[in-house]
PDB file of N, CA and C in Angstrom:
ATOM      1  N   MET A   1       1.086  -6.852 -17.681  1.00  0.00           N
ATOM      2  CA  MET A   1       1.261  -6.182 -18.720  1.00  0.00           C
ATOM      3  C   MET A   1       0.967  -4.317 -18.408  1.00  0.00           C
ATOM      4  N   ILE A   2       2.539  -3.175 -18.289  1.00  0.00           N
ATOM      5  CA  ILE A   2       2.105  -1.936 -18.252  1.00  0.00           C
ATOM      6  C   ILE A   2       1.595  -1.724 -19.470  1.00  0.00           C
ATOM      7  N   ARG A   3       0.493  -0.853 -19.543  1.00  0.00           N
ATOM      8  CA  ARG A   3      -0.052   0.365 -20.162  1.00  0.00           C
ATOM      9  C   ARG A   3       0.435   1.596 -20.708  1.00  0.00           C
ATOM     10  N   LYS A   4       1.065   2.022 -21.854  1.00  0.00           N
ATOM     11  CA  LYS A   4       1.572   3.162 -21.712  1.00  0.00           C
ATOM     12  C   LYS A   4       0.617   3.952 -21.030  1.00  0.00           C
ATOM     13  N   GLY A   5       1.310   5.422 -20.662  1.00  0.00           N
ATOM     14  CA  GLY A   5      -0.223   6.596 -20.078  1.00  0.00           C
ATOM     15  C   GLY A   5      -0.039   6.089 -18.578  1.00  0.00           C
ATOM     16  N   VAL A   6      -0.208   4.933 -17.910  1.00  0.00           N
ATOM     17  CA  VAL A   6      -0.514   4.431 -16.534  1.00  0.00           C
ATOM     18  C   VAL A   6       0.956   4.495 -16.122  1.00  0.00           C
ATOM     19  N   ILE A   7       0.508   5.074 -14.754  1.00  0.00           N
ATOM     20  CA  ILE A   7       1.199   5.079 -13.668  1.00  0.00           C
ATOM     21  C   ILE A   7       1.271   4.397 -12.738  1.00  0.00           C
ATOM     22  N   ASN A   8       2.222   3.404 -13.054  1.00  0.00           N
ATOM     23  CA  ASN A   8       2.293   2.368 -11.435  1.00  0.00           C
ATOM     24  C   ASN A   8       2.624   3.003  -9.852  1.00  0.00           C
ATOM     25  N   ILE A   9       1.982   2.878  -9.241  1.00  0.00           N
ATOM     26  CA  ILE A   9       2.283   3.268  -7.885  1.00  0.00           C
ATOM     27  C   ILE A   9       2.577   2.125  -7.273  1.00  0.00           C
ATOM     28  N   ARG A  10       4.003   2.794  -6.357  1.00  0.00           N
ATOM     29  CA  ARG A  10       4.546   1.402  -5.671  1.00  0.00           C
ATOM     30  C   ARG A  10       4.930   1.882  -4.409  1.00  0.00           C
ATOM     31  N   ILE A  11       5.334   1.222  -3.221  1.00  0.00           N
ATOM     32  CA  ILE A  11       5.487   1.198  -2.524  1.00  0.00           C
ATOM     33  C   ILE A  11       7.508   0.884  -2.483  1.00  0.00           C
ATOM     34  N   TYR A  12       7.940   1.707  -1.535  1.00  0.00           N
ATOM     35  CA  TYR A  12       9.438   1.687  -1.513  1.00  0.00           C
ATOM     36  C   TYR A  12      10.018   1.688  -0.676  1.00  0.00           C
ATOM     37  N   GLU A  13      11.372   1.999  -0.438  1.00  0.00           N
ATOM     38  CA  GLU A  13      12.370   1.639   0.670  1.00  0.00           C
ATOM     39  C   GLU A  13      13.611   2.210   0.665  1.00  0.00           C
ATOM     40  N   SER A  14      13.968   3.100   0.937  1.00  0.00           N
ATOM     41  CA  SER A  14      15.124   3.471   0.813  1.00  0.00           C
ATOM     42  C   SER A  14      16.179   3.836   2.040  1.00  0.00           C
ATOM     43  N   ILE A  15      17.599   3.373   1.866  1.00  0.00           N
ATOM     44  CA  ILE A  15      18.119   3.360   2.763  1.00  0.00           C
ATOM     45  C   ILE A  15      19.602   4.036   2.333  1.00  0.00           C
ATOM     46  N   PHE A  16      19.757   5.274   3.065  1.00  0.00           N
ATOM     47  CA  PHE A  16      20.957   6.189   2.728  1.00  0.00           C
ATOM     48  C   PHE A  16      21.956   6.220   3.819  1.00  0.00           C
ATOM     49  N   ILE A  17      23.253   5.982   3.955  1.00  0.00           N
ATOM     50  CA  ILE A  17      24.441   6.692   4.887  1.00  0.00           C
ATOM     51  C   ILE A  17      24.632   7.945   4.549  1.00  0.00           C
ATOM     52  N   LEU A  18      25.107   8.404   5.647  1.00  0.00           N
ATOM     53  CA  LEU A  18      25.664   9.600   5.679  1.00  0.00           C
ATOM     54  C   LEU A  18      26.434  10.120   6.125  1.00  0.00           C
ATOM     55  N   ARG A  19      27.461  10.546   5.919  1.00  0.00           N
ATOM     56  CA  ARG A  19      28.527  11.051   6.812  1.00  0.00           C
ATOM     57  C   ARG A  19      28.752  10.936   8.138  1.00  0.00           C
ATOM     58  N   PRO A  20      29.543  10.346   9.315  1.00  0.00           N
ATOM     59  CA  PRO A  20      29.234  10.508  10.523  1.00  0.00           C
ATOM     60  C   PRO A  20      29.807  11.845  11.323  1.00  0.00           C
ATOM     61  N   SER A  21      30.572  12.653  10.063  1.00  0.00           N
ATOM     62  CA  SER A  21      31.013  13.855  10.912  1.00  0.00           C
ATOM     63  C   SER A  21      30.104  14.980  10.604  1.00  0.00           C
ATOM     64  N   LEU A  22      28.394  15.285  10.639  1.00  0.00           N
ATOM     65  CA  LEU A  22      28.015  15.821  10.371  1.00  0.00           C
ATOM     66  C   LEU A  22      27.168  16.117  11.734  1.00  0.00           C
ATOM     67  N   THR A  23      26.390  16.858  11.944  1.00  0.00           N
ATOM     68  CA  THR A  23      25.623  17.751  13.154  1.00  0.00           C
ATOM     69  C   THR A  23      24.736  16.651  12.867  1.00  0.00           C
ATOM     70  N   ASP A  24      23.907  16.810  14.468  1.00  0.00           N
ATOM     71  CA  ASP A  24      22.617  16.389  14.408  1.00  0.00           C
ATOM     72  C   ASP A  24      21.487  17.391  13.802  1.00  0.00           C
ATOM     73  N   GLU A  25      21.924  18.953  13.351  1.00  0.00           N
ATOM     74  CA  GLU A  25      21.138  19.690  12.660  1.00  0.00           C
ATOM     75  C   GLU A  25      20.824  19.240  10.835  1.00  0.00           C
ATOM     76  N   GLU A  26      22.353  18.756  10.341  1.00  0.00           N
ATOM     77  CA  GLU A  26      23.155  18.806   9.418  1.00  0.00           C
ATOM     78  C   GLU A  26      22.535  17.377   9.049  1.00  0.00           C
ATOM     79  N   VAL A  27      22.058  16.498   9.607  1.00  0.00           N
ATOM     80  CA  VAL A  27      21.558  15.097   9.764  1.00  0.00           C
ATOM     81  C   VAL A  27      20.034  15.228   9.141  1.00  0.00           C
ATOM     82  N   GLU A  28      19.456  16.303   9.737  1.00  0.00           N
ATOM     83  CA  GLU A  28      17.876  16.402   9.688  1.00  0.00           C
ATOM     84  C   GLU A  28      17.546  17.193   8.231  1.00  0.00           C
ATOM     85  N   LYS A  29      18.466  18.396   8.092  1.00  0.00           N
ATOM     86  CA  LYS A  29      18.230  18.940   6.943  1.00  0.00           C
ATOM     87  C   LYS A  29      18.865  18.180   5.811  1.00  0.00           C
ATOM     88  N   ALA A  30      19.921  16.989   5.986  1.00  0.00           N
ATOM     89  CA  ALA A  30      19.739  16.254   5.091  1.00  0.00           C
ATOM     90  C   ALA A  30      18.393  14.995   5.018  1.00  0.00           C
ATOM     91  N   ILE A  31      18.230  14.912   5.737  1.00  0.00           N
ATOM     92  CA  ILE A  31      16.409  14.052   6.102  1.00  0.00           C
ATOM     93  C   ILE A  31      15.279  14.842   4.979  1.00  0.00           C
ATOM     94  N   ALA A  32      15.112  16.114   5.322  1.00  0.00           N
ATOM     95  CA  ALA A  32      14.436  16.840   4.932  1.00  0.00           C
ATOM     96  C   ALA A  32      14.588  17.309   3.674  1.00  0.00           C
ATOM     97  N   LYS A  33      15.800  17.069   3.063  1.00  0.00           N
ATOM     98  CA  LYS A  33      16.299  17.748   1.657  1.00  0.00           C
ATOM     99  C   LYS A  33      15.528  16.181   0.584  1.00  0.00           C
ATOM    100  N   MET A  34      15.869  14.597   1.275  1.00  0.00           N
ATOM    101  CA  MET A  34      15.632  13.872   0.732  1.00  0.00           C
ATOM    102  C   MET A  34      13.562  13.401   0.635  1.00  0.00           C
ATOM    103  N   LYS A  35      13.621  13.724   1.534  1.00  0.00           N
ATOM    104  CA  LYS A  35      11.856  13.802   2.201  1.00  0.00           C
ATOM    105  C   LYS A  35      11.328  14.730   0.759  1.00  0.00           C
ATOM    106  N   GLY A  36      11.989  16.189   0.707  1.00  0.00           N
ATOM    107  CA  GLY A  36      11.242  17.472  -0.406  1.00  0.00           C
ATOM    108  C   GLY A  36      11.588  16.791  -1.659  1.00  0.00           C
ATOM    109  N   VAL A  37      12.208  15.955  -2.311  1.00  0.00           N
ATOM    110  CA  VAL A  37      12.411  15.049  -3.195  1.00  0.00           C
ATOM    111  C   VAL A  37      11.173  14.506  -3.937  1.00  0.00           C
ATOM    112  N   ILE A  38      11.110  13.631  -2.637  1.00  0.00           N
ATOM    113  CA  ILE A  38      10.589  12.555  -2.482  1.00  0.00           C
ATOM    114  C   ILE A  38       8.655  13.487  -2.759  1.00  0.00           C
ATOM    115  N   GLU A  39       8.410  14.246  -2.061  1.00  0.00           N
ATOM    116  CA  GLU A  39       7.168  15.114  -1.979  1.00  0.00           C
ATOM    117  C   GLU A  39       7.130  15.727  -3.233  1.00  0.00           C
ATOM    118  N   LYS A  40       8.236  16.439  -4.113  1.00  0.00           N
ATOM    119  CA  LYS A  40       7.844  17.129  -5.348  1.00  0.00           C
ATOM    120  C   LYS A  40       7.709  16.535  -5.937  1.00  0.00           C
ATOM    121  N   SER A  41       8.741  14.950  -6.515  1.00  0.00           N
ATOM    122  CA  SER A  41       8.282  14.207  -7.209  1.00  0.00           C
ATOM    123  C   SER A  41       6.878  13.606  -7.944  1.00  0.00           C
ATOM    124  N   GLY A  42       5.898  13.520  -6.635  1.00  0.00           N
ATOM    125  CA  GLY A  42       4.585  13.485  -6.695  1.00  0.00           C
ATOM    126  C   GLY A  42       4.505  12.182  -5.138  1.00  0.00           C
ATOM    127  N   GLY A  43       5.254  11.709  -4.758  1.00  0.00           N
ATOM    128  CA  GLY A  43       5.668  10.585  -3.668  1.00  0.00           C
ATOM    129  C   GLY A  43       4.891  10.860  -2.595  1.00  0.00           C
ATOM    130  N   GLU A  44       4.890  10.076  -1.466  1.00  0.00           N
ATOM    131  CA  GLU A  44       3.883  10.319  -0.176  1.00  0.00           C
ATOM    132  C   GLU A  44       5.347   9.408   0.762  1.00  0.00           C
ATOM    133  N   VAL A  45       5.610  10.242   1.913  1.00  0.00           N
ATOM    134  CA  VAL A  45       6.458   9.580   2.919  1.00  0.00           C
ATOM    135  C   VAL A  45       5.688   9.143   3.560  1.00  0.00           C
ATOM    136  N   LEU A  46       5.243   7.866   3.976  1.00  0.00           N
ATOM    137  CA  LEU A  46       5.107   6.682   4.493  1.00  0.00           C
ATOM    138  C   LEU A  46       5.957   6.650   6.384  1.00  0.00           C
ATOM    139  N   ASN A  47       6.984   6.908   6.385  1.00  0.00           N
ATOM    140  CA  ASN A  47       7.672   6.058   7.590  1.00  0.00           C
ATOM    141  C   ASN A  47       9.406   6.504   7.299  1.00  0.00           C
ATOM    142  N   THR A  48       9.993   7.673   8.500  1.00  0.00           N
ATOM    143  CA  THR A  48      11.446   7.855   8.760  1.00  0.00           C
ATOM    144  C   THR A  48      12.089   6.974   9.544  1.00  0.00           C
ATOM    145  N   GLU A  49      12.985   6.822   9.413  1.00  0.00           N
ATOM    146  CA  GLU A  49      13.461   6.251  10.764  1.00  0.00           C
ATOM    147  C   GLU A  49      14.988   7.052  10.738  1.00  0.00           C
ATOM    148  N   ASN A  50      15.787   7.295  11.561  1.00  0.00           N
ATOM    149  CA  ASN A  50      17.373   7.904  12.191  1.00  0.00           C
ATOM    150  C   ASN A  50      17.636   6.641  13.094  1.00  0.00           C
ATOM    151  N   TRP A  51      18.423   5.749  12.497  1.00  0.00           N
ATOM    152  CA  TRP A  51      18.911   4.895  13.133  1.00  0.00           C
ATOM    153  C   TRP A  51      20.515   4.862  13.841  1.00  0.00           C
ATOM    154  N   LYS A  52      20.319   6.459  13.550  1.00  0.00           N
ATOM    155  CA  LYS A  52      21.459   6.981  14.112  1.00  0.00           C
ATOM    156  C   LYS A  52      23.397   6.670  13.318  1.00  0.00           C
ATOM    157  N   LYS A  53      24.712   6.800  14.256  1.00  0.00           N
ATOM    158  CA  LYS A  53      25.485   6.178  13.864  1.00  0.00           C
ATOM    159  C   LYS A  53      25.804   4.908  14.518  1.00  0.00           C
ATOM    160  N   ARG A  54      26.182   4.571  13.439  1.00  0.00           N
ATOM    161  CA  ARG A  54      26.439   3.154  13.222  1.00  0.00           C
ATOM    162  C   ARG A  54      28.165   2.466  13.226  1.00  0.00           C
ATOM    163  N   ARG A  55      28.144   1.400  12.903  1.00  0.00           N
ATOM    164  CA  ARG A  55      29.532   0.943  12.282  1.00  0.00           C
ATOM    165  C   ARG A  55      29.675   0.560  10.960  1.00  0.00           C
ATOM    166  N   LEU A  56      30.129   0.867   9.782  1.00  0.00           N
ATOM    167  CA  LEU A  56      29.679   0.307   8.340  1.00  0.00           C
ATOM    168  C   LEU A  56      30.586  -0.870   8.566  1.00  0.00           C
ATOM    169  N   ALA A  57      29.501  -2.164   7.377  1.00  0.00           N
ATOM    170  CA  ALA A  57      30.587  -3.780   7.407  1.00  0.00           C
ATOM    171  C   ALA A  57      31.780  -3.292   6.729  1.00  0.00           C
ATOM    172  N   TYR A  58      31.505  -2.088   6.025  1.00  0.00           N
ATOM    173  CA  TYR A  58      33.268  -2.170   5.829  1.00  0.00           C
ATOM    174  C   TYR A  58      33.527  -0.845   5.080  1.00  0.00           C
ATOM    175  N   GLU A  59      34.878  -0.137   5.127  1.00  0.00           N
ATOM    176  CA  GLU A  59      35.026   1.068   4.951  1.00  0.00           C
ATOM    177  C   GLU A  59      34.255   1.777   3.411  1.00  0.00           C
ATOM    178  N   VAL A  60      34.028   2.637   3.763  1.00  0.00           N
ATOM    179  CA  VAL A  60      33.110   3.886   2.463  1.00  0.00           C
ATOM    180  C   VAL A  60      33.589   4.928   2.458  1.00  0.00           C
ATOM    181  N   ALA A  61      34.038   5.703   1.867  1.00  0.00           N
ATOM    182  CA  ALA A  61      34.820   6.936   1.097  1.00  0.00           C
ATOM    183  C   ALA A  61      35.276   7.445   2.389  1.00  0.00           C
ATOM    184  N   LYS A  62      36.413   6.506   2.756  1.00  0.00           N
ATOM    185  CA  LYS A  62      37.573   6.238   3.774  1.00  0.00           C
ATOM    186  C   LYS A  62      36.819   6.466   5.284  1.00  0.00           C
ATOM    187  N   GLU A  63      35.244   6.429   5.890  1.00  0.00           N
ATOM    188  CA  GLU A  63      34.896   6.416   6.296  1.00  0.00           C
ATOM    189  C   GLU A  63      34.777   4.905   7.406  1.00  0.00           C
ATOM    190  N   LYS A  64      34.601   4.585   9.027  1.00  0.00           N
ATOM    191  CA  LYS A  64      34.079   3.594   8.928  1.00  0.00           C
ATOM    192  C   LYS A  64      33.036   3.346   9.536  1.00  0.00           C
ATOM    193  N   LYS A  65      32.301   4.870  10.041  1.00  0.00           N
ATOM    194  CA  LYS A  65      31.098   4.687  10.460  1.00  0.00           C
ATOM    195  C   LYS A  65      29.750   5.601   9.912  1.00  0.00           C
ATOM    196  N   GLY A  66      28.977   5.711   9.537  1.00  0.00           N
ATOM    197  CA  GLY A  66      28.014   6.336   9.224  1.00  0.00           C
ATOM    198  C   GLY A  66      26.468   6.475   9.841  1.00  0.00           C
ATOM    199  N   VAL A  67      25.631   7.635   9.224  1.00  0.00           N
ATOM    200  CA  VAL A  67      24.636   7.395   9.939  1.00  0.00           C
ATOM    201  C   VAL A  67      23.842   7.456   9.213  1.00  0.00           C
ATOM    202  N   TYR A  68      22.906   6.109   9.113  1.00  0.00           N
ATOM    203  CA  TYR A  68      21.808   5.284   8.422  1.00  0.00           C
ATOM    204  C   TYR A  68      20.683   5.952   8.811  1.00  0.00           C
ATOM    205  N   ILE A  69      19.900   6.454   7.912  1.00  0.00           N
ATOM    206  CA  ILE A  69      18.562   6.906   7.658  1.00  0.00           C
ATOM    207  C   ILE A  69      17.763   5.960   6.643  1.00  0.00           C
ATOM    208  N   VAL A  70      16.464   5.422   6.979  1.00  0.00           N
ATOM    209  CA  VAL A  70      15.792   4.500   6.323  1.00  0.00           C
ATOM    210  C   VAL A  70      14.335   6.128   6.116  1.00  0.00           C
ATOM    211  N   LEU A  71      14.023   5.150   4.824  1.00  0.00           N
ATOM    212  CA  LEU A  71      12.758   6.147   4.380  1.00  0.00           C
ATOM    213  C   LEU A  71      11.703   5.140   3.212  1.00  0.00           C
ATOM    214  N   GLN A  72       9.872   4.989   3.908  1.00  0.00           N
ATOM    215  CA  GLN A  72       9.464   3.911   3.174  1.00  0.00           C
ATOM    216  C   GLN A  72       8.580   5.105   2.530  1.00  0.00           C
ATOM    217  N   PHE A  73       8.010   5.037   1.503  1.00  0.00           N
ATOM    218  CA  PHE A  73       7.435   5.996   0.067  1.00  0.00           C
ATOM    219  C   PHE A  73       6.610   5.252  -0.261  1.00  0.00           C
ATOM    220  N   LYS A  74       5.509   6.070  -0.532  1.00  0.00           N
ATOM    221  CA  LYS A  74       4.982   6.160  -2.001  1.00  0.00           C
ATOM    222  C   LYS A  74       5.058   6.950  -3.178  1.00  0.00           C
ATOM    223  N   GLY A  75       5.931   6.174  -4.715  1.00  0.00           N
ATOM    224  CA  GLY A  75       5.593   6.345  -5.886  1.00  0.00           C
ATOM    225  C   GLY A  75       5.899   6.061  -7.067  1.00  0.00           C
ATOM    226  N   ASP A  76       6.246   6.503  -8.362  1.00  0.00           N
ATOM    227  CA  ASP A  76       6.767   5.484  -9.314  1.00  0.00           C
ATOM    228  C   ASP A  76       8.255   5.413  -9.634  1.00  0.00           C
ATOM    229  N   GLY A  77       8.598   4.923 -10.914  1.00  0.00           N
ATOM    230  CA  GLY A  77      10.280   4.784 -10.391  1.00  0.00           C
ATOM    231  C   GLY A  77      10.698   6.076 -10.948  1.00  0.00           C
ATOM    232  N   LYS A  78      10.267   6.951 -11.759  1.00  0.00           N
ATOM    233  CA  LYS A  78      10.352   8.006 -12.100  1.00  0.00           C
ATOM    234  C   LYS A  78      11.389   8.757 -10.200  1.00  0.00           C
ATOM    235  N   LEU A  79      10.183   8.269  -9.827  1.00  0.00           N
ATOM    236  CA  LEU A  79      10.233   9.356  -8.368  1.00  0.00           C
ATOM    237  C   LEU A  79      11.706   8.334  -7.812  1.00  0.00           C
ATOM    238  N   ILE A  80      11.815   7.304  -8.376  1.00  0.00           N
ATOM    239  CA  ILE A  80      13.713   6.817  -7.766  1.00  0.00           C
ATOM    240  C   ILE A  80      14.875   7.183  -8.505  1.00  0.00           C
ATOM    241  N   ASN A  81      15.015   7.336  -9.680  1.00  0.00           N
ATOM    242  CA  ASN A  81      15.569   8.092 -10.279  1.00  0.00           C
ATOM    243  C   ASN A  81      15.956   9.195 -10.287  1.00  0.00           C
ATOM    244  N   GLU A  82      15.608   9.826  -9.958  1.00  0.00           N
ATOM    245  CA  GLU A  82      15.396  11.490  -9.335  1.00  0.00           C
ATOM    246  C   GLU A  82      15.755  11.548  -7.664  1.00  0.00           C
ATOM    247  N   LEU A  83      15.377  10.334  -6.492  1.00  0.00           N
ATOM    248  CA  LEU A  83      15.778  10.187  -5.388  1.00  0.00           C
ATOM    249  C   LEU A  83      17.644   9.995  -5.497  1.00  0.00           C
ATOM    250  N   GLU A  84      18.098   8.685  -6.118  1.00  0.00           N
ATOM    251  CA  GLU A  84      19.198   8.034  -6.408  1.00  0.00           C
ATOM    252  C   GLU A  84      19.772   9.405  -7.211  1.00  0.00           C
ATOM    253  N   ARG A  85      19.453  10.082  -8.088  1.00  0.00           N
ATOM    254  CA  ARG A  85      20.447  10.946  -8.441  1.00  0.00           C
ATOM    255  C   ARG A  85      20.413  12.061  -7.557  1.00  0.00           C
ATOM    256  N   THR A  86      19.678  12.358  -6.403  1.00  0.00           N
ATOM    257  CA  THR A  86      20.331  13.083  -5.295  1.00  0.00           C
ATOM    258  C   THR A  86      20.428  12.771  -4.257  1.00  0.00           C
ATOM    259  N   TYR A  87      21.172  11.387  -4.218  1.00  0.00           N
ATOM    260  CA  TYR A  87      22.041  11.597  -3.430  1.00  0.00           C
ATOM    261  C   TYR A  87      22.999  11.416  -3.717  1.00  0.00           C
ATOM    262  N   LYS A  88      23.405  10.851  -5.123  1.00  0.00           N
ATOM    263  CA  LYS A  88      24.968  10.551  -5.619  1.00  0.00           C
ATOM    264  C   LYS A  88      25.468  12.104  -6.163  1.00  0.00           C
ATOM    265  N   ILE A  89      24.225  13.460  -5.717  1.00  0.00           N
ATOM    266  CA  ILE A  89      25.105  14.954  -5.799  1.00  0.00           C
ATOM    267  C   ILE A  89      25.225  15.432  -4.034  1.00  0.00           C
ATOM    268  N   ASP A  90      24.892  15.046  -3.235  1.00  0.00           N
ATOM    269  CA  ASP A  90      24.855  15.236  -2.628  1.00  0.00           C
ATOM    270  C   ASP A  90      26.432  14.285  -1.160  1.00  0.00           C
ATOM    271  N   ASP A  91      27.322  15.424  -1.093  1.00  0.00           N
ATOM    272  CA  ASP A  91      28.420  15.084  -0.347  1.00  0.00           C
ATOM    273  C   ASP A  91      28.030  13.956   0.124  1.00  0.00           C
ATOM    274  N   SER A  92      27.185  14.413   1.450  1.00  0.00           N
ATOM    275  CA  SER A  92      26.908  14.108   2.657  1.00  0.00           C
ATOM    276  C   SER A  92      26.462  12.463   2.472  1.00  0.00           C
ATOM    277  N   VAL A  93      26.285  12.098   1.882  1.00  0.00           N
ATOM    278  CA  VAL A  93      25.783  10.467   1.296  1.00  0.00           C
ATOM    279  C   VAL A  93      26.956   9.840   1.168  1.00  0.00           C
ATOM    280  N   ILE A  94      26.989   8.374   1.405  1.00  0.00           N
ATOM    281  CA  ILE A  94      28.486   8.134   1.092  1.00  0.00           C
ATOM    282  C   ILE A  94      27.794   6.510   0.553  1.00  0.00           C
ATOM    283  N   LYS A  95      26.327   6.351   1.310  1.00  0.00           N
ATOM    284  CA  LYS A  95      25.612   4.904   0.651  1.00  0.00           C
ATOM    285  C   LYS A  95      24.669   5.036   0.484  1.00  0.00           C
ATOM    286  N   TYR A  96      23.740   4.183  -0.615  1.00  0.00           N
ATOM    287  CA  TYR A  96      22.199   3.861  -0.198  1.00  0.00           C
ATOM    288  C   TYR A  96      21.859   3.227  -1.288  1.00  0.00           C
ATOM    289  N   LEU A  97      21.130   2.922  -0.843  1.00  0.00           N
ATOM    290  CA  LEU A  97      19.808   1.519  -2.216  1.00  0.00           C
ATOM    291  C   LEU A  97      18.529   1.978  -1.710  1.00  0.00           C
ATOM    292  N   SER A  98      18.133   1.627  -2.443  1.00  0.00           N
ATOM    293  CA  SER A  98      16.448   1.472  -2.972  1.00  0.00           C
ATOM    294  C   SER A  98      15.382   0.016  -3.304  1.00  0.00           C
ATOM    295  N   ILE A  99      14.736   0.022  -2.864  1.00  0.00           N
ATOM    296  CA  ILE A  99      14.353  -1.023  -3.433  1.00  0.00           C
ATOM    297  C   ILE A  99      12.907  -1.131  -2.710  1.00  0.00           C
ATOM    298  N   LYS A 100      12.152  -2.473  -4.230  1.00  0.00           N
ATOM    299  CA  LYS A 100      10.957  -2.110  -4.043  1.00  0.00           C
ATOM    300  C   LYS A 100      10.386  -3.040  -3.395  1.00  0.00           C
ATOM    301  N   LEU A 101       8.835  -2.646  -2.233  1.00  0.00           N
ATOM    302  CA  LEU A 101       8.491  -3.328  -1.359  1.00  0.00           C
ATOM    303  C   LEU A 101       7.643  -4.498  -1.957  1.00  0.00           C
ATOM    304  N   ASP A 102       7.354  -5.695  -3.100  1.00  0.00           N
ATOM    305  CA  ASP A 102       6.308  -5.942  -3.684  1.00  0.00           C
ATOM    306  C   ASP A 102       5.665  -6.868  -2.387  1.00  0.00           C
ATOM    307  N   GLY A 103       3.811  -6.457  -1.857  1.00  0.00           N
ATOM    308  CA  GLY A 103       3.270  -7.479  -1.402  1.00  0.00           C
ATOM    309  C   GLY A 103       3.969  -7.784   0.275  1.00  0.00           C
ATOM    310  N   ILE A 104       4.584  -6.557   0.615  1.00  0.00           N
ATOM    311  CA  ILE A 104       5.119  -5.811   1.491  1.00  0.00           C
ATOM    312  C   ILE A 104       4.356  -5.148   2.756  1.00  0.00           C
ATOM    313  N   LYS A 105       3.455  -5.335   3.745  1.00  0.00           N
ATOM    314  CA  LYS A 105       3.084  -3.597   4.126  1.00  0.00           C
ATOM    315  C   LYS A 105       4.078  -3.131   5.000  1.00  0.00           C
ATOM    316  N   PRO A 106       4.533  -1.971   4.313  1.00  0.00           N
ATOM    317  CA  PRO A 106       5.146  -1.332   5.131  1.00  0.00           C
ATOM    318  C   PRO A 106       4.800  -0.706   6.547  1.00  0.00           C
ATOM    319  N   LYS A 107       6.297  -1.175   7.645  1.00  0.00           N
ATOM    320  CA  LYS A 107       5.919  -0.784   8.884  1.00  0.00           C
ATOM    321  C   LYS A 107       7.933  -0.403   9.423  1.00  0.00           C
ATOM    322  N   ALA A 108       7.475  -0.182  10.652  1.00  0.00           N
ATOM    323  CA  ALA A 108       8.800   0.238  10.827  1.00  0.00           C
ATOM    324  C   ALA A 108      10.011  -0.708  10.464  1.00  0.00           C
ATOM    325  N   ALA A 109      11.092  -0.516  10.605  1.00  0.00           N
ATOM    326  CA  ALA A 109      11.932  -1.296  10.802  1.00  0.00           C
ATOM    327  C   ALA A 109      12.595  -2.368  11.709  1.00  0.00           C
ATOM    328  N   LYS A 110      11.936  -1.301  12.747  1.00  0.00           N
ATOM    329  CA  LYS A 110      12.236  -2.500  14.063  1.00  0.00           C
ATOM    330  C   LYS A 110      11.620  -3.525  14.227  1.00  0.00           C
ATOM    331  N   GLU A 111       9.988  -3.096  13.370  1.00  0.00           N
ATOM    332  CA  GLU A 111       8.650  -4.669  13.472  1.00  0.00           C
ATOM    333  C   GLU A 111       9.187  -5.396  12.505  1.00  0.00           C
ATOM    334  N   ALA A 112      10.418  -5.239  11.465  1.00  0.00           N
ATOM    335  CA  ALA A 112      10.470  -5.974  10.346  1.00  0.00           C
ATOM    336  C   ALA A 112      11.545  -7.507  10.771  1.00  0.00           C
ATOM    337  N   VAL A 113      12.076  -6.962  11.905  1.00  0.00           N
ATOM    338  CA  VAL A 113      13.109  -8.169  12.134  1.00  0.00           C
ATOM    339  C   VAL A 113      12.276  -9.222  13.346  1.00  0.00           C
ATOM    340  N   PRO A 114      12.247 -10.444  12.930  1.00  0.00           N
ATOM    341  CA  PRO A 114      11.699 -11.051  13.786  1.00  0.00           C
ATOM    342  C   PRO A 114      12.386 -11.220  14.914  1.00  0.00           C
ATOM    343  N   GLU A 115      11.886 -11.172  16.299  1.00  0.00           N
ATOM    344  CA  GLU A 115      12.279 -11.556  17.554  1.00  0.00           C
ATOM    345  C   GLU A 115      12.758 -12.411  17.711  1.00  0.00           C
ATOM    346  N   GLU A 116      14.055 -12.891  18.833  1.00  0.00           N
ATOM    347  CA  GLU A 116      14.459 -14.298  18.580  1.00  0.00           C
ATOM    348  C   GLU A 116      13.572 -15.013  19.361  1.00  0.00           C
ATOM    349  N   LYS A 117      13.476 -16.442  19.364  1.00  0.00           N
ATOM    350  CA  LYS A 117      12.381 -17.254  19.836  1.00  0.00           C
ATOM    351  C   LYS A 117      13.036 -17.672  21.339  1.00  0.00           C
ATOM    352  N   LYS A 118      12.096 -17.615  22.071  1.00  0.00           N
ATOM    353  CA  LYS A 118      12.867 -17.541  23.502  1.00  0.00           C
ATOM    354  C   LYS A 118      12.452 -19.350  23.964  1.00  0.00           C
ATOM    355  N   GLU A 119      13.169 -19.576  24.715  1.00  0.00           N
ATOM    356  CA  GLU A 119      13.227 -21.020  25.258  1.00  0.00           C
ATOM    357  C   GLU A 119      13.052 -21.215  26.367  1.00  0.00           C
ATOM    358  N   VAL A 120      11.973 -22.575  26.720  1.00  0.00           N
ATOM    359  CA  VAL A 120      10.700 -22.280  27.527  1.00  0.00           C
ATOM    360  C   VAL A 120      11.438 -23.005  28.383  1.00  0.00           C
TER     361      VAL A 120
END
């Protein structure tokens, strides 16, 4: 039960994909912009990863590749609304997804992928 006036701080992960034509400097500016939105909205960035340029599963906005960025942060639902509004109005962002990490300890995304079992 959620009581009025009580702010629920949760941990979220947001992945956004930038246009592949951006320079490294423009990518860093976009990351800083999104981190700024989180911090101005009262959130705290826990982890940031730049997965660099990768092939998309399907064509998005006439692009076959994109620069993948992962942000893990603490915040409330209003912060997610503001972050996704920023994604929508930023022309360099071609796709995004934000999820709530319920009961999952935030860690580097590379660590979240299970290692393959080695045969003996």
